[in-house]
Structures are given as structure tokens and as C-alpha cells.
N, C-alpha and C. Protein backbone atom coordinates (compact mmCIF):
# COMPACT_ATOMS: atom_id res chain seq x y z
N MET A 1 18.27 15.85 -17.53
CA MET A 1 18.10 14.68 -18.75
C MET A 1 19.05 13.43 -19.03
N ILE A 2 20.18 13.89 -17.75
CA ILE A 2 20.90 12.32 -17.78
C ILE A 2 19.81 11.29 -17.22
N ARG A 3 18.79 11.78 -15.79
CA ARG A 3 18.08 10.90 -15.33
C ARG A 3 17.34 10.08 -16.22
N VAL A 4 16.67 10.83 -17.33
CA VAL A 4 15.59 10.20 -18.45
C VAL A 4 16.69 9.31 -19.30
N ARG A 5 17.65 9.50 -19.37
CA ARG A 5 18.85 8.53 -20.73
C ARG A 5 18.65 7.26 -19.79
N TRP A 6 18.97 7.57 -18.10
CA TRP A 6 19.49 6.08 -17.71
C TRP A 6 18.04 5.43 -17.36
N LEU A 7 16.75 6.32 -17.33
CA LEU A 7 15.74 5.62 -16.99
C LEU A 7 15.46 4.99 -18.30
N ALA A 8 15.19 5.37 -19.54
CA ALA A 8 15.21 4.97 -20.74
C ALA A 8 15.42 3.66 -21.24
N LEU A 9 17.73 3.48 -20.52
CA LEU A 9 18.38 2.96 -20.55
C LEU A 9 17.74 1.41 -19.93
N GLY A 10 17.15 1.99 -18.67
CA GLY A 10 16.95 0.48 -17.57
C GLY A 10 15.54 0.12 -18.24
N VAL A 11 14.55 1.03 -18.89
CA VAL A 11 13.66 0.21 -19.19
C VAL A 11 13.77 -0.84 -20.19
N ILE A 12 14.58 -0.38 -20.95
CA ILE A 12 14.83 -1.00 -22.64
C ILE A 12 15.77 -2.44 -22.21
N ALA A 13 16.46 -2.17 -21.07
CA ALA A 13 17.33 -3.80 -20.94
C ALA A 13 16.53 -4.73 -19.70
N LEU A 14 15.40 -4.15 -19.24
CA LEU A 14 14.66 -4.73 -18.19
C LEU A 14 14.29 -5.92 -18.88
N PRO A 15 13.50 -6.26 -19.68
CA PRO A 15 13.24 -7.53 -20.81
C PRO A 15 14.79 -8.43 -20.59
N PHE A 16 15.75 -7.90 -21.10
CA PHE A 16 16.43 -8.40 -21.32
C PHE A 16 17.35 -9.55 -20.12
N VAL A 17 17.68 -8.33 -18.77
CA VAL A 17 17.94 -8.67 -17.63
C VAL A 17 16.89 -10.01 -16.91
N GLU A 18 15.70 -9.21 -17.25
CA GLU A 18 14.74 -10.66 -16.82
C GLU A 18 14.59 -12.05 -17.27
N PHE A 19 15.05 -12.04 -18.63
CA PHE A 19 15.11 -13.07 -19.26
C PHE A 19 16.06 -13.93 -19.38
N ALA A 20 17.79 -13.45 -18.75
CA ALA A 20 18.33 -13.73 -17.92
C ALA A 20 18.58 -14.26 -16.91
N ALA A 21 17.41 -13.84 -15.62
CA ALA A 21 17.56 -13.92 -14.46
C ALA A 21 17.20 -15.32 -14.02
N PHE A 22 15.38 -15.58 -15.52
CA PHE A 22 14.73 -16.66 -15.38
C PHE A 22 15.15 -17.83 -15.84
N TRP A 23 16.24 -17.44 -17.17
CA TRP A 23 16.96 -18.71 -17.50
C TRP A 23 18.10 -19.05 -16.01
N ALA A 24 18.52 -18.46 -15.52
CA ALA A 24 19.25 -18.39 -14.18
C ALA A 24 18.25 -19.49 -13.20
N VAL A 25 17.35 -19.00 -12.77
CA VAL A 25 16.21 -19.70 -12.05
C VAL A 25 16.12 -20.68 -12.32
N ALA A 26 15.69 -21.23 -13.78
CA ALA A 26 15.46 -22.14 -14.32
C ALA A 26 15.95 -23.04 -14.60
N GLY A 27 17.76 -22.73 -14.73
CA GLY A 27 18.82 -23.83 -14.79
C GLY A 27 18.95 -24.57 -12.93
N ARG A 28 18.25 -23.74 -12.13
CA ARG A 28 18.76 -24.08 -10.72
C ARG A 28 16.85 -24.95 -10.12
N VAL A 29 16.25 -25.12 -10.90
CA VAL A 29 15.30 -25.29 -9.97
C VAL A 29 13.98 -25.78 -11.30
N GLY A 30 14.47 -26.07 -12.33
CA GLY A 30 13.83 -26.57 -13.33
C GLY A 30 12.74 -25.79 -14.03
N PHE A 31 12.46 -25.28 -15.54
CA PHE A 31 12.34 -24.60 -16.37
C PHE A 31 10.48 -24.34 -15.90
N LEU A 32 9.65 -25.53 -15.09
CA LEU A 32 8.45 -25.56 -14.76
C LEU A 32 8.11 -24.96 -13.67
N GLY A 33 9.30 -25.23 -12.52
CA GLY A 33 9.48 -23.87 -11.26
C GLY A 33 9.85 -22.75 -11.46
N ALA A 34 10.55 -22.87 -12.23
CA ALA A 34 10.75 -21.06 -12.44
C ALA A 34 9.45 -20.45 -13.11
N LEU A 35 8.59 -21.20 -14.29
CA LEU A 35 7.17 -20.40 -14.63
C LEU A 35 6.68 -20.32 -13.54
N LEU A 36 6.13 -21.38 -12.62
CA LEU A 36 5.40 -21.21 -11.65
C LEU A 36 5.43 -20.23 -10.76
N GLY A 37 6.67 -20.03 -10.39
CA GLY A 37 7.32 -18.63 -9.41
C GLY A 37 6.84 -17.36 -9.53
N VAL A 38 6.83 -17.33 -11.12
CA VAL A 38 6.67 -16.32 -12.45
C VAL A 38 5.33 -15.98 -12.09
N ILE A 39 4.58 -16.98 -12.51
CA ILE A 39 3.10 -16.84 -12.05
C ILE A 39 2.54 -16.81 -10.63
N ALA A 40 2.90 -16.87 -9.94
CA ALA A 40 2.60 -17.16 -8.57
C ALA A 40 3.01 -15.29 -8.04
N THR A 41 3.88 -15.08 -8.12
CA THR A 41 4.49 -13.91 -7.56
C THR A 41 3.86 -12.63 -8.37
N SER A 42 3.25 -13.06 -9.59
CA SER A 42 2.66 -12.23 -10.69
C SER A 42 1.09 -12.19 -9.82
N PHE A 43 0.73 -13.61 -9.56
CA PHE A 43 -0.90 -13.29 -8.95
C PHE A 43 -0.76 -12.68 -7.68
N ALA A 44 0.35 -12.69 -6.85
CA ALA A 44 0.43 -11.79 -5.22
C ALA A 44 0.52 -10.54 -5.66
N GLY A 45 1.32 -9.70 -6.49
CA GLY A 45 1.20 -8.50 -7.31
C GLY A 45 -0.27 -7.96 -7.30
N VAL A 46 -1.21 -8.85 -8.26
CA VAL A 46 -2.34 -8.44 -8.75
C VAL A 46 -2.79 -8.37 -7.54
N VAL A 47 -3.14 -9.42 -6.25
CA VAL A 47 -3.59 -9.67 -5.00
C VAL A 47 -3.81 -8.08 -4.46
N LEU A 48 -2.15 -7.82 -4.03
CA LEU A 48 -1.94 -6.33 -3.40
C LEU A 48 -2.07 -5.53 -3.99
N LEU A 49 -2.20 -5.56 -4.83
CA LEU A 49 -2.82 -4.16 -5.71
C LEU A 49 -4.65 -4.45 -5.78
N LYS A 50 -4.97 -5.41 -5.78
CA LYS A 50 -6.43 -5.44 -5.46
C LYS A 50 -6.74 -4.99 -4.32
N GLY A 51 -6.37 -5.75 -3.49
CA GLY A 51 -6.50 -4.94 -1.94
C GLY A 51 -6.46 -3.99 -1.78
N GLY A 52 -5.57 -2.79 -2.23
CA GLY A 52 -5.31 -1.20 -1.74
C GLY A 52 -6.35 -0.75 -2.63
N ALA A 53 -6.72 -1.15 -3.86
CA ALA A 53 -7.88 -0.86 -4.64
C ALA A 53 -9.16 -0.72 -4.14
N ARG A 54 -9.61 -1.81 -3.45
CA ARG A 54 -10.44 -2.20 -3.01
C ARG A 54 -11.26 -1.42 -1.58
N LEU A 55 -9.77 -1.20 -0.77
CA LEU A 55 -9.64 -0.50 0.76
C LEU A 55 -10.22 1.01 -0.18
N LEU A 56 -9.63 1.69 -1.40
CA LEU A 56 -9.69 3.56 -1.70
C LEU A 56 -11.24 3.14 -2.25
N LEU A 57 -11.69 2.16 -3.00
CA LEU A 57 -13.10 2.45 -3.39
C LEU A 57 -13.94 2.31 -2.11
N ALA A 58 -13.99 1.61 -1.43
CA ALA A 58 -14.92 1.30 -0.35
C ALA A 58 -15.21 2.60 0.41
N GLN A 59 -14.10 3.10 0.43
CA GLN A 59 -13.78 4.97 0.95
C GLN A 59 -13.80 5.59 0.16
N LEU A 60 -14.06 5.70 -1.04
CA LEU A 60 -14.53 6.89 -2.19
C LEU A 60 -16.51 6.35 -2.04
N ALA A 61 -16.59 5.05 -1.52
CA ALA A 61 -18.25 4.38 -2.33
C ALA A 61 -18.97 5.10 -0.82
N THR A 62 -18.52 4.91 0.20
CA THR A 62 -18.96 5.39 2.25
C THR A 62 -18.89 7.13 1.95
N GLY A 63 -18.07 7.99 1.15
CA GLY A 63 -17.66 8.93 1.40
C GLY A 63 -17.16 9.64 2.33
N ARG A 64 -16.39 8.62 2.50
CA ARG A 64 -15.87 9.11 4.19
C ARG A 64 -14.32 9.54 3.84
N VAL A 65 -14.03 10.86 4.63
CA VAL A 65 -12.57 11.50 3.97
C VAL A 65 -11.81 11.03 4.66
N VAL A 66 -10.59 10.67 4.19
CA VAL A 66 -9.17 10.11 4.88
C VAL A 66 -8.28 11.13 4.81
N VAL A 67 -7.50 11.29 5.49
CA VAL A 67 -6.44 11.94 5.59
C VAL A 67 -5.39 11.39 6.05
N LEU A 68 -4.45 11.35 5.66
CA LEU A 68 -3.05 10.32 5.65
C LEU A 68 -2.11 11.27 6.02
N SER A 69 -1.46 11.12 7.04
CA SER A 69 0.09 11.69 7.18
C SER A 69 0.88 11.63 6.01
N ASP A 70 2.08 12.52 5.65
CA ASP A 70 2.78 11.83 5.05
C ASP A 70 4.03 10.64 4.81
N GLU A 71 3.72 9.86 6.27
CA GLU A 71 4.32 8.77 6.40
C GLU A 71 3.57 7.52 5.95
N ALA A 72 2.11 8.10 6.09
CA ALA A 72 1.20 7.08 5.56
C ALA A 72 0.79 6.51 4.11
N ALA A 73 1.08 8.06 3.74
CA ALA A 73 0.99 7.79 2.28
C ALA A 73 2.25 7.41 1.40
N ARG A 74 3.15 8.25 2.25
CA ARG A 74 4.72 7.23 1.32
C ARG A 74 4.57 5.69 1.50
N ASN A 75 4.36 5.03 2.70
CA ASN A 75 4.22 4.14 2.97
C ASN A 75 3.29 3.18 1.84
N GLY A 76 2.07 3.70 1.72
CA GLY A 76 1.08 2.86 0.80
C GLY A 76 1.59 3.36 -0.65
N LEU A 77 2.27 4.35 -0.66
CA LEU A 77 2.72 4.32 -2.19
C LEU A 77 3.92 3.53 -1.97
N LEU A 78 5.28 2.91 -1.39
CA LEU A 78 5.51 2.07 -1.93
C LEU A 78 4.95 1.16 -1.73
N THR A 79 4.25 0.77 -0.65
CA THR A 79 3.72 -0.95 -1.25
C THR A 79 2.92 -1.14 -2.32
N ALA A 80 1.80 0.30 -3.15
CA ALA A 80 1.62 0.07 -4.59
C ALA A 80 2.59 -0.18 -5.70
N LEU A 81 4.17 0.45 -5.06
CA LEU A 81 4.77 -0.04 -6.58
C LEU A 81 5.10 -1.01 -6.01
N ALA A 82 5.63 -1.73 -4.83
CA ALA A 82 5.75 -2.86 -4.93
C ALA A 82 5.00 -4.06 -5.49
N GLY A 83 3.46 -3.81 -5.63
CA GLY A 83 2.34 -4.87 -5.88
C GLY A 83 2.09 -4.67 -7.22
N LEU A 84 2.75 -3.27 -7.74
CA LEU A 84 3.24 -3.25 -9.27
C LEU A 84 4.05 -3.98 -10.07
N LEU A 85 5.46 -3.45 -9.23
CA LEU A 85 6.55 -4.67 -9.52
C LEU A 85 5.90 -6.05 -9.33
N LEU A 86 5.67 -6.34 -8.64
CA LEU A 86 4.89 -8.05 -8.55
C LEU A 86 4.40 -8.57 -9.60
N ALA A 87 3.17 -7.85 -9.95
CA ALA A 87 2.63 -7.67 -10.97
C ALA A 87 3.24 -8.44 -11.89
N ILE A 88 4.42 -7.32 -12.43
CA ILE A 88 4.91 -7.60 -13.88
C ILE A 88 6.03 -8.85 -13.83
N PRO A 89 6.02 -9.82 -15.12
CA PRO A 89 6.14 -11.04 -14.49
C PRO A 89 7.87 -11.29 -14.59
N GLY A 90 8.52 -11.51 -13.54
CA GLY A 90 10.06 -11.94 -13.77
C GLY A 90 10.71 -11.43 -12.46
N PHE A 91 12.16 -12.36 -12.27
CA PHE A 91 12.25 -12.39 -11.41
C PHE A 91 13.36 -10.95 -10.41
N VAL A 92 13.97 -10.18 -10.94
CA VAL A 92 14.21 -9.32 -10.62
C VAL A 92 13.45 -8.16 -9.89
N THR A 93 12.11 -8.20 -10.82
CA THR A 93 11.59 -7.20 -10.78
C THR A 93 10.48 -7.64 -9.40
N ASP A 94 10.32 -9.02 -9.19
CA ASP A 94 10.25 -9.44 -7.87
C ASP A 94 10.93 -9.47 -6.79
N ALA A 95 12.45 -9.32 -6.56
CA ALA A 95 13.16 -9.10 -5.87
C ALA A 95 13.12 -7.88 -5.73
N ILE A 96 12.75 -6.61 -6.31
CA ILE A 96 13.10 -5.31 -6.17
C ILE A 96 11.61 -5.20 -5.30
N ALA A 97 10.52 -5.98 -5.53
CA ALA A 97 9.33 -5.46 -4.54
C ALA A 97 9.45 -5.66 -3.33
N LEU A 98 10.15 -7.27 -2.84
CA LEU A 98 10.19 -7.75 -1.93
C LEU A 98 11.10 -6.77 -1.18
N VAL A 99 11.90 -6.19 -1.51
CA VAL A 99 12.98 -5.36 -0.62
C VAL A 99 12.39 -3.90 -0.44
N LEU A 100 11.28 -3.68 -1.05
CA LEU A 100 10.31 -2.52 -0.69
C LEU A 100 9.15 -2.81 0.06
N LEU A 101 8.72 -3.79 0.21
CA LEU A 101 7.56 -4.49 1.00
C LEU A 101 8.50 -4.71 2.84
N ILE A 102 9.92 -4.88 2.77
CA ILE A 102 10.71 -5.03 4.08
C ILE A 102 10.24 -3.76 5.03
N PRO A 103 9.62 -3.70 6.32
CA PRO A 103 9.53 -2.54 6.72
C PRO A 103 10.71 -1.93 7.12
N ALA A 104 12.10 -2.24 7.50
CA ALA A 104 13.08 -1.63 7.99
C ALA A 104 13.74 -1.37 7.06
N LEU A 105 13.36 -1.65 5.90
CA LEU A 105 13.87 -0.87 4.34
C LEU A 105 13.21 -0.05 3.86
N LYS A 106 11.83 0.17 4.26
CA LYS A 106 10.90 1.38 4.12
C LYS A 106 11.31 2.23 4.74
N THR A 107 11.76 2.02 6.45
CA THR A 107 11.97 3.06 6.96
C THR A 107 13.18 3.53 6.42
N LEU A 108 14.88 2.71 5.75
CA LEU A 108 15.88 3.53 5.25
C LEU A 108 15.41 4.58 3.83
N LEU A 109 14.59 3.81 3.25
CA LEU A 109 14.46 5.02 1.80
C LEU A 109 13.57 5.88 2.49
N LEU A 110 12.56 6.03 3.47
CA LEU A 110 11.82 7.25 3.95
C LEU A 110 12.20 8.26 4.51
N GLY A 111 13.46 7.64 5.33
CA GLY A 111 13.86 8.44 6.26
C GLY A 111 14.35 7.95 7.44
N SER A 112 14.46 8.68 8.52
CA SER A 112 14.63 8.35 9.97
C SER A 112 13.60 7.87 10.63
N ARG A 113 12.49 7.95 10.49
CA ARG A 113 10.83 7.90 10.93
C ARG A 113 10.80 6.70 10.76
N ALA A 114 10.08 6.39 11.51
CA ALA A 114 9.85 4.34 11.62
C ALA A 114 8.74 4.47 11.10
N VAL A 115 8.39 3.31 10.09
CA VAL A 115 7.20 2.63 9.29
C VAL A 115 6.72 1.40 9.79
N SER A 116 5.65 1.97 10.81
CA SER A 116 4.77 0.49 10.65
C SER A 116 3.34 0.66 11.26
N ALA A 117 2.63 -0.54 10.68
CA ALA A 117 1.53 -0.90 11.04
C ALA A 117 1.09 -0.58 12.37
N GLY A 118 0.20 0.50 13.05
CA GLY A 118 0.08 -0.01 14.35
C GLY A 118 1.12 0.43 14.81
N SER A 119 2.05 1.49 14.84
CA SER A 119 3.44 1.49 15.36
C SER A 119 2.65 2.61 17.03
N GLY A 120 1.41 2.85 16.80
CA GLY A 120 1.17 3.67 17.84
C GLY A 120 0.14 4.82 16.88
N ARG A 121 -0.22 6.12 17.69
CA ARG A 121 -1.08 6.95 16.79
C ARG A 121 -0.05 7.27 15.87
N SER A 122 -1.09 8.32 14.45
CA SER A 122 -0.77 8.86 13.68
C SER A 122 -0.52 10.14 14.11
N PRO A 123 0.33 11.68 13.89
CA PRO A 123 -0.10 12.73 13.85
C PRO A 123 -1.29 13.12 13.80
N THR A 124 -1.54 14.28 14.41
CA THR A 124 -3.03 14.69 14.37
C THR A 124 -2.84 15.78 13.53
N PRO A 125 -3.68 15.69 12.02
CA PRO A 125 -3.73 16.97 11.58
C PRO A 125 -4.41 18.15 12.08
N PRO A 126 -3.53 19.68 11.37
CA PRO A 126 -3.71 20.40 11.88
C PRO A 126 -5.08 20.95 11.88
N GLY A 127 -5.88 21.47 12.86
CA GLY A 127 -7.46 21.97 12.64
C GLY A 127 -8.07 20.62 13.75
N VAL A 128 -7.31 19.80 14.13
CA VAL A 128 -8.55 18.91 14.88
C VAL A 128 -8.00 18.41 15.93
N VAL A 129 -8.76 18.59 16.63
CA VAL A 129 -8.77 18.28 18.22
C VAL A 129 -9.08 16.78 18.69
N ASP A 130 -7.94 16.24 19.17
CA ASP A 130 -7.77 14.62 19.14
C ASP A 130 -7.77 14.26 20.70
N LEU A 131 -9.18 13.61 20.82
CA LEU A 131 -9.64 14.17 22.74
C LEU A 131 -9.73 12.17 22.92
N GLU A 132 -8.98 11.92 23.91
CA GLU A 132 -9.26 10.45 24.44
C GLU A 132 -10.59 9.65 24.14
N PRO A 133 -10.84 8.81 24.57
CA PRO A 133 -12.40 8.23 24.93
C PRO A 133 -13.05 8.60 25.91
N GLN A 134 -12.44 8.31 27.06
CA GLN A 134 -13.02 9.12 28.39
C GLN A 134 -13.68 10.31 28.30
N ASP A 135 -12.79 11.40 27.36
CA ASP A 135 -13.16 12.75 27.43
C ASP A 135 -14.60 13.62 26.08
N TRP A 136 -15.03 12.91 25.78
CA TRP A 136 -15.97 13.00 25.01
C TRP A 136 -17.20 12.13 25.25
N ARG A 137 -18.40 12.03 24.87
CA ARG A 137 -19.59 11.12 24.63
C ARG A 137 -20.27 11.27 23.12
N ASP A 138 -20.93 10.50 23.18
CA ASP A 138 -22.05 10.68 21.44
C ASP A 138 -23.26 11.43 22.07
N GLU A 139 -23.50 12.69 21.80
CA GLU A 139 -24.96 13.17 22.01
C GLU A 139 -25.90 12.72 20.97
N SER A 140 -25.40 12.34 19.56
CA SER A 140 -26.40 12.05 18.90
C SER A 140 -27.38 10.90 19.51
N ARG A 141 -26.71 9.80 20.08
CA ARG A 141 -27.73 8.54 20.68
C ARG A 141 -28.31 9.14 21.74
N ARG A 142 -28.54 10.00 22.37
CA ARG A 142 -28.90 10.11 23.71
C ARG A 142 -30.29 10.29 23.42
N PRO A 143 -31.39 9.34 24.04
CA PRO A 143 -32.89 9.22 23.92
C PRO A 143 -33.44 10.32 24.54
N ASP A 144 -34.77 10.83 23.81
CA ASP A 144 -34.82 11.98 23.59
C ASP A 144 -35.94 11.92 24.81
N PRO A 145 -36.29 13.13 26.17
CA PRO A 145 -36.89 12.96 27.11
C PRO A 145 -38.42 12.63 26.52
N PRO A 146 -38.96 11.88 27.56
CA PRO A 146 -40.51 11.76 27.64
C PRO A 146 -40.82 12.84 27.26
N GLY A 147 -42.18 12.93 26.27
CA GLY A 147 -43.27 13.71 25.85
C GLY A 147 -42.68 14.95 25.15
N SER A 148 -41.23 14.93 24.88
CA SER A 148 -40.88 15.98 23.87
C SER A 148 -41.06 15.37 22.31
N PRO A 149 -41.46 16.25 21.90
CA PRO A 149 -41.89 16.39 20.44
C PRO A 149 -40.62 15.97 19.32
N ARG A 150 -41.13 15.06 18.25
CA ARG A 150 -39.76 15.12 17.34
C ARG A 150 -39.92 14.67 16.42
N ILE A 151 -39.37 15.64 15.69
CA ILE A 151 -38.96 16.20 14.27
C ILE A 151 -38.74 15.34 13.38
N GLY A 152 -40.09 15.58 12.25
CA GLY A 152 -40.12 14.84 10.82
C GLY A 152 -40.68 12.98 11.33
N HIS A 153 -40.87 13.04 12.98
CA HIS A 153 -41.81 11.62 12.77
C HIS A 153 -43.11 11.85 13.27
N PRO A 154 -44.17 11.06 13.29
CA PRO A 154 -45.58 11.54 13.50
C PRO A 154 -45.80 10.92 15.12
């Protein structure tokens, strides 16, 4: 119950903190510069969220089943949260979002496992046999022997 109170207090205080941060930045770079910064970071957050949503919709449209490891799911969740925080206008949420996008800090937040795109092969899910490319071949594209009947074709 105490956590809910702190969360509610944070949500109530956020606009006031963002307002103070905006005026602090506007005092340094000018009002127009601060306003353009807020608009640019909000636009970047929307682009980040749209990219993830577009990838998800493309996978759903093709009917592919994508199995994510726990690390990849957590990494994607932190990236989506960072996109959401960037989309919310304000410098405090932008700073939190940028922290979430730094790979070393993601590793710290997620535990001792490394979180980096393309750092090697992901762990194989249970029930899947992972073969090297030289250990298999695609039999579905092999040409039919001459004279063999083709099913479904005249």
C-alpha cells in the first residue's frame, strides 16, 4: 500500500517537477530552444514507439510466431517504456528515458546478464533443435525427378 501512495504522489508531482525543469532549461537556452527541445524529444519518442509497433504488426500480419528470450522481452519492454517516457513532454521524463536507453544501464537494471543487440546467438527455447547451417538443407525446394507426377498441377 505504501508503494501505491508513493506512485500516486509521483504522478501528482510530475507536472510540477516538469514545469520547474522546463523553466530551468528555458532560463539557460531560451524559451524557444526549450520548447523545440520538448517537441523534438516527444517526436523521437513517438517514432521509437511507432517503430516497435510497426515491427509487431508486421510479425502479426505474416503470421510468424516470435519466441523471445526473457532478456529480449525485458530489453524490448525497457525500450518501449523509454519511448513512452520520451513521448511525454518534459525534460525529467526525457532524462529517465535516455537512462533506460543506455545499454550498460539496461544491464544494471536487468541483472548481470549482458543486454546488447547482436551480441551473439540467443538461447535456444526448450524443444527446439538448433542446427548450424552446414548441418541441414531445405528439401522443400529440391526439383522433382523427371517424369514424376506433380500433385495439384496439370
